[in-house]
Amino acid sequence: MQKVVSAVSCQVIPFPLTKRLATVREVASKLREKNERHAEAYRNSIADGLFEHLAKIGLSEDEQDEQVGAFFSAVELEMFAMYDPSGIYGDRSVY
């Protein structure tokens, strides 16, 4: 009797980076504290780490770009909200 081994393909669906609220808030808070030059270096460092993580779990470059771009959009929204406690930017739970 022969064993039949078949390859099973699957799609990795990562937890969206935009929903990692603690990380979004931490990055936004740290960016607020930095001057422009240091903020850019910090942002690049965070992006490099995110790209590395997403590549390790098998996301395509297009998916990586989309996830990291959305993450930094969420960080910007969080930063706006930090500067505006009055809430004119609305409900942040939708990012």
N, C-alpha and C. Protein backbone atom coordinates (compact mmCIF):
# COMPACT_ATOMS: atom_id res chain seq x y z
N MET A 1 0.84 -1.17 0.00
CA MET A 1 0.00 0.00 0.00
C MET A 1 0.89 1.24 0.00
N GLN A 2 0.58 2.17 -0.89
CA GLN A 2 1.35 3.41 -1.02
C GLN A 2 0.60 4.55 -0.35
N LYS A 3 1.38 5.40 0.33
CA LYS A 3 0.81 6.62 0.91
C LYS A 3 0.78 7.70 -0.15
N VAL A 4 -0.32 8.38 -0.24
CA VAL A 4 -0.42 9.50 -1.16
C VAL A 4 -0.29 10.79 -0.35
N VAL A 5 0.68 11.57 -0.71
CA VAL A 5 0.91 12.84 -0.04
C VAL A 5 0.56 13.95 -1.02
N SER A 6 -0.33 14.79 -0.60
CA SER A 6 -0.70 15.90 -1.48
C SER A 6 -0.35 17.22 -0.80
N ALA A 7 0.00 18.16 -1.61
CA ALA A 7 0.33 19.48 -1.09
C ALA A 7 -0.97 20.24 -0.84
N VAL A 8 -1.04 20.86 0.29
CA VAL A 8 -2.20 21.66 0.64
C VAL A 8 -1.76 23.12 0.63
N SER A 9 -2.48 23.91 -0.12
CA SER A 9 -2.13 25.33 -0.13
C SER A 9 -3.08 26.06 0.81
N CYS A 10 -2.59 27.12 1.34
CA CYS A 10 -3.41 27.92 2.24
C CYS A 10 -3.05 29.38 2.06
N GLN A 11 -3.94 30.21 2.53
CA GLN A 11 -3.70 31.65 2.48
C GLN A 11 -3.58 32.14 3.91
N VAL A 12 -2.52 32.87 4.19
CA VAL A 12 -2.32 33.44 5.51
C VAL A 12 -3.09 34.76 5.56
N ILE A 13 -3.95 34.88 6.55
CA ILE A 13 -4.68 36.12 6.75
C ILE A 13 -4.25 36.67 8.11
N PRO A 14 -3.33 37.63 8.09
CA PRO A 14 -2.83 38.16 9.36
C PRO A 14 -3.85 39.06 10.04
N PHE A 15 -3.70 39.19 11.34
CA PHE A 15 -4.51 40.16 12.06
C PHE A 15 -4.11 41.53 11.54
N PRO A 16 -5.06 42.33 11.06
CA PRO A 16 -4.70 43.62 10.44
C PRO A 16 -3.89 44.52 11.38
N LEU A 17 -2.84 45.10 10.83
CA LEU A 17 -1.99 45.98 11.63
C LEU A 17 -2.77 47.15 12.20
N THR A 18 -3.79 47.62 11.49
CA THR A 18 -4.57 48.76 11.95
C THR A 18 -5.39 48.43 13.19
N LYS A 19 -5.62 47.16 13.44
CA LYS A 19 -6.41 46.74 14.61
C LYS A 19 -5.54 46.48 15.83
N ARG A 20 -4.25 46.62 15.68
CA ARG A 20 -3.32 46.46 16.80
C ARG A 20 -3.23 47.82 17.50
N LEU A 21 -4.33 48.15 18.19
CA LEU A 21 -4.49 49.50 18.73
C LEU A 21 -3.42 49.90 19.71
N ALA A 22 -2.98 48.99 20.53
CA ALA A 22 -1.92 49.35 21.49
C ALA A 22 -0.65 49.76 20.74
N THR A 23 -0.33 49.06 19.67
CA THR A 23 0.86 49.39 18.88
C THR A 23 0.66 50.71 18.14
N VAL A 24 -0.52 50.90 17.56
CA VAL A 24 -0.82 52.16 16.88
C VAL A 24 -0.65 53.33 17.84
N ARG A 25 -1.21 53.20 19.03
CA ARG A 25 -1.15 54.28 20.01
C ARG A 25 0.27 54.51 20.52
N GLU A 26 1.02 53.42 20.72
CA GLU A 26 2.40 53.55 21.18
C GLU A 26 3.26 54.28 20.15
N VAL A 27 3.13 53.89 18.89
CA VAL A 27 3.92 54.52 17.82
C VAL A 27 3.52 55.99 17.69
N ALA A 28 2.22 56.29 17.73
CA ALA A 28 1.76 57.67 17.63
C ALA A 28 2.32 58.51 18.78
N SER A 29 2.29 57.97 19.97
CA SER A 29 2.79 58.69 21.14
C SER A 29 4.28 58.97 21.02
N LYS A 30 5.04 57.97 20.60
CA LYS A 30 6.49 58.16 20.45
C LYS A 30 6.82 59.14 19.33
N LEU A 31 6.06 59.09 18.23
CA LEU A 31 6.31 60.03 17.14
C LEU A 31 6.06 61.46 17.56
N ARG A 32 5.04 61.65 18.40
CA ARG A 32 4.73 63.00 18.89
C ARG A 32 5.87 63.62 19.67
N GLU A 33 6.64 62.77 20.34
CA GLU A 33 7.71 63.25 21.22
C GLU A 33 9.00 63.57 20.48
N LYS A 34 9.10 63.16 19.21
CA LYS A 34 10.36 63.28 18.49
C LYS A 34 10.37 64.49 17.56
N ASN A 35 11.58 65.02 17.32
CA ASN A 35 11.68 66.07 16.31
C ASN A 35 11.58 65.41 14.93
N GLU A 36 11.50 66.21 13.89
CA GLU A 36 11.22 65.68 12.55
C GLU A 36 12.24 64.64 12.10
N ARG A 37 13.51 64.90 12.29
CA ARG A 37 14.56 63.96 11.85
C ARG A 37 14.48 62.64 12.60
N HIS A 38 14.32 62.72 13.92
CA HIS A 38 14.23 61.50 14.71
C HIS A 38 12.92 60.75 14.44
N ALA A 39 11.85 61.50 14.18
CA ALA A 39 10.56 60.86 13.88
C ALA A 39 10.66 60.06 12.58
N GLU A 40 11.34 60.62 11.59
CA GLU A 40 11.49 59.90 10.32
C GLU A 40 12.30 58.62 10.51
N ALA A 41 13.37 58.69 11.27
CA ALA A 41 14.19 57.50 11.53
C ALA A 41 13.38 56.45 12.30
N TYR A 42 12.61 56.89 13.27
CA TYR A 42 11.77 55.96 14.06
C TYR A 42 10.71 55.33 13.16
N ARG A 43 10.06 56.14 12.33
CA ARG A 43 9.03 55.64 11.40
C ARG A 43 9.64 54.60 10.46
N ASN A 44 10.82 54.88 9.93
CA ASN A 44 11.49 53.93 9.04
C ASN A 44 11.83 52.63 9.76
N SER A 45 12.27 52.74 10.99
CA SER A 45 12.59 51.56 11.78
C SER A 45 11.35 50.70 12.02
N ILE A 46 10.26 51.34 12.38
CA ILE A 46 9.00 50.61 12.60
C ILE A 46 8.55 49.95 11.29
N ALA A 47 8.60 50.70 10.19
CA ALA A 47 8.18 50.15 8.89
C ALA A 47 9.04 48.95 8.51
N ASP A 48 10.35 49.05 8.70
CA ASP A 48 11.24 47.92 8.38
C ASP A 48 10.84 46.68 9.17
N GLY A 49 10.56 46.85 10.46
CA GLY A 49 10.17 45.73 11.29
C GLY A 49 8.84 45.12 10.84
N LEU A 50 7.89 45.97 10.48
CA LEU A 50 6.60 45.48 10.01
C LEU A 50 6.75 44.72 8.70
N PHE A 51 7.52 45.28 7.77
CA PHE A 51 7.75 44.60 6.49
C PHE A 51 8.42 43.24 6.71
N GLU A 52 9.39 43.20 7.59
CA GLU A 52 10.09 41.95 7.88
C GLU A 52 9.13 40.90 8.44
N HIS A 53 8.29 41.31 9.39
CA HIS A 53 7.31 40.41 9.99
C HIS A 53 6.34 39.88 8.94
N LEU A 54 5.81 40.78 8.12
CA LEU A 54 4.82 40.38 7.12
C LEU A 54 5.43 39.48 6.05
N ALA A 55 6.70 39.73 5.70
CA ALA A 55 7.38 38.86 4.74
C ALA A 55 7.58 37.46 5.31
N LYS A 56 7.93 37.39 6.60
CA LYS A 56 8.13 36.09 7.25
C LYS A 56 6.88 35.23 7.25
N ILE A 57 5.72 35.88 7.36
CA ILE A 57 4.49 35.08 7.39
C ILE A 57 3.92 34.85 6.00
N GLY A 58 4.64 35.32 4.97
CA GLY A 58 4.31 34.97 3.60
C GLY A 58 3.43 35.92 2.83
N LEU A 59 3.27 37.14 3.28
CA LEU A 59 2.46 38.10 2.52
C LEU A 59 3.24 38.61 1.31
N SER A 60 2.52 38.83 0.24
CA SER A 60 3.15 39.37 -0.97
C SER A 60 3.57 40.82 -0.69
N GLU A 61 4.44 41.34 -1.55
CA GLU A 61 4.89 42.72 -1.38
C GLU A 61 3.72 43.70 -1.46
N ASP A 62 2.77 43.43 -2.36
CA ASP A 62 1.60 44.31 -2.47
C ASP A 62 0.79 44.31 -1.18
N GLU A 63 0.59 43.13 -0.60
CA GLU A 63 -0.16 43.04 0.66
C GLU A 63 0.60 43.71 1.79
N GLN A 64 1.92 43.56 1.79
CA GLN A 64 2.75 44.22 2.80
C GLN A 64 2.61 45.73 2.70
N ASP A 65 2.71 46.25 1.48
CA ASP A 65 2.58 47.69 1.28
C ASP A 65 1.23 48.19 1.77
N GLU A 66 0.19 47.45 1.45
CA GLU A 66 -1.15 47.85 1.87
C GLU A 66 -1.29 47.85 3.39
N GLN A 67 -0.80 46.81 4.05
CA GLN A 67 -0.88 46.71 5.50
C GLN A 67 -0.08 47.81 6.20
N VAL A 68 1.14 48.03 5.76
CA VAL A 68 2.00 49.02 6.41
C VAL A 68 1.47 50.43 6.14
N GLY A 69 1.01 50.68 4.94
CA GLY A 69 0.42 51.99 4.63
C GLY A 69 -0.81 52.26 5.49
N ALA A 70 -1.66 51.26 5.64
CA ALA A 70 -2.86 51.40 6.47
C ALA A 70 -2.48 51.61 7.93
N PHE A 71 -1.44 50.92 8.38
CA PHE A 71 -0.97 51.08 9.76
C PHE A 71 -0.56 52.53 10.02
N PHE A 72 0.23 53.10 9.13
CA PHE A 72 0.68 54.47 9.35
C PHE A 72 -0.45 55.49 9.17
N SER A 73 -1.46 55.17 8.39
CA SER A 73 -2.65 56.02 8.33
C SER A 73 -3.36 56.01 9.67
N ALA A 74 -3.45 54.83 10.29
CA ALA A 74 -4.07 54.72 11.61
C ALA A 74 -3.24 55.48 12.65
N VAL A 75 -1.92 55.42 12.53
CA VAL A 75 -1.05 56.16 13.45
C VAL A 75 -1.30 57.67 13.29
N GLU A 76 -1.41 58.14 12.06
CA GLU A 76 -1.68 59.58 11.84
C GLU A 76 -3.02 59.99 12.43
N LEU A 77 -4.04 59.17 12.24
CA LEU A 77 -5.35 59.48 12.84
C LEU A 77 -5.25 59.55 14.36
N GLU A 78 -4.49 58.64 14.93
CA GLU A 78 -4.30 58.64 16.38
C GLU A 78 -3.57 59.90 16.82
N MET A 79 -2.58 60.32 16.05
CA MET A 79 -1.85 61.54 16.40
C MET A 79 -2.77 62.75 16.33
N PHE A 80 -3.61 62.83 15.30
CA PHE A 80 -4.57 63.92 15.21
C PHE A 80 -5.48 63.93 16.43
N ALA A 81 -5.93 62.75 16.82
CA ALA A 81 -6.82 62.65 17.97
C ALA A 81 -6.11 63.07 19.25
N MET A 82 -4.82 62.78 19.36
CA MET A 82 -4.05 63.18 20.55
C MET A 82 -3.93 64.71 20.63
N TYR A 83 -3.83 65.35 19.46
CA TYR A 83 -3.72 66.80 19.43
C TYR A 83 -5.07 67.48 19.60
N ASP A 84 -6.15 66.72 19.39
CA ASP A 84 -7.48 67.30 19.45
C ASP A 84 -8.39 66.49 20.37
N PRO A 85 -8.27 66.71 21.66
CA PRO A 85 -9.11 65.96 22.59
C PRO A 85 -10.59 66.30 22.49
N SER A 86 -10.94 67.37 21.75
CA SER A 86 -12.35 67.75 21.62
C SER A 86 -13.13 66.74 20.77
N GLY A 87 -12.41 65.94 19.99
CA GLY A 87 -13.08 64.88 19.25
C GLY A 87 -13.62 65.25 17.88
N ILE A 88 -13.13 66.34 17.28
CA ILE A 88 -13.68 66.69 15.98
C ILE A 88 -13.30 65.68 14.90
N TYR A 89 -12.31 64.83 15.20
CA TYR A 89 -11.95 63.82 14.22
C TYR A 89 -12.83 62.59 14.33
N GLY A 90 -13.78 62.61 15.22
CA GLY A 90 -14.78 61.55 15.28
C GLY A 90 -14.28 60.27 15.94
N ASP A 91 -15.05 59.23 15.70
CA ASP A 91 -14.78 57.92 16.30
C ASP A 91 -13.57 57.29 15.65
N ARG A 92 -12.54 56.99 16.44
CA ARG A 92 -11.32 56.41 15.91
C ARG A 92 -11.39 54.90 15.86
N SER A 93 -12.46 54.30 16.34
CA SER A 93 -12.53 52.84 16.40
C SER A 93 -12.70 52.21 15.02
N VAL A 94 -12.90 53.00 13.99
CA VAL A 94 -13.15 52.44 12.67
C VAL A 94 -11.89 52.17 11.86
N TYR A 95 -10.70 52.58 12.33
CA TYR A 95 -9.55 52.27 11.53
C TYR A 95 -9.22 50.84 11.71
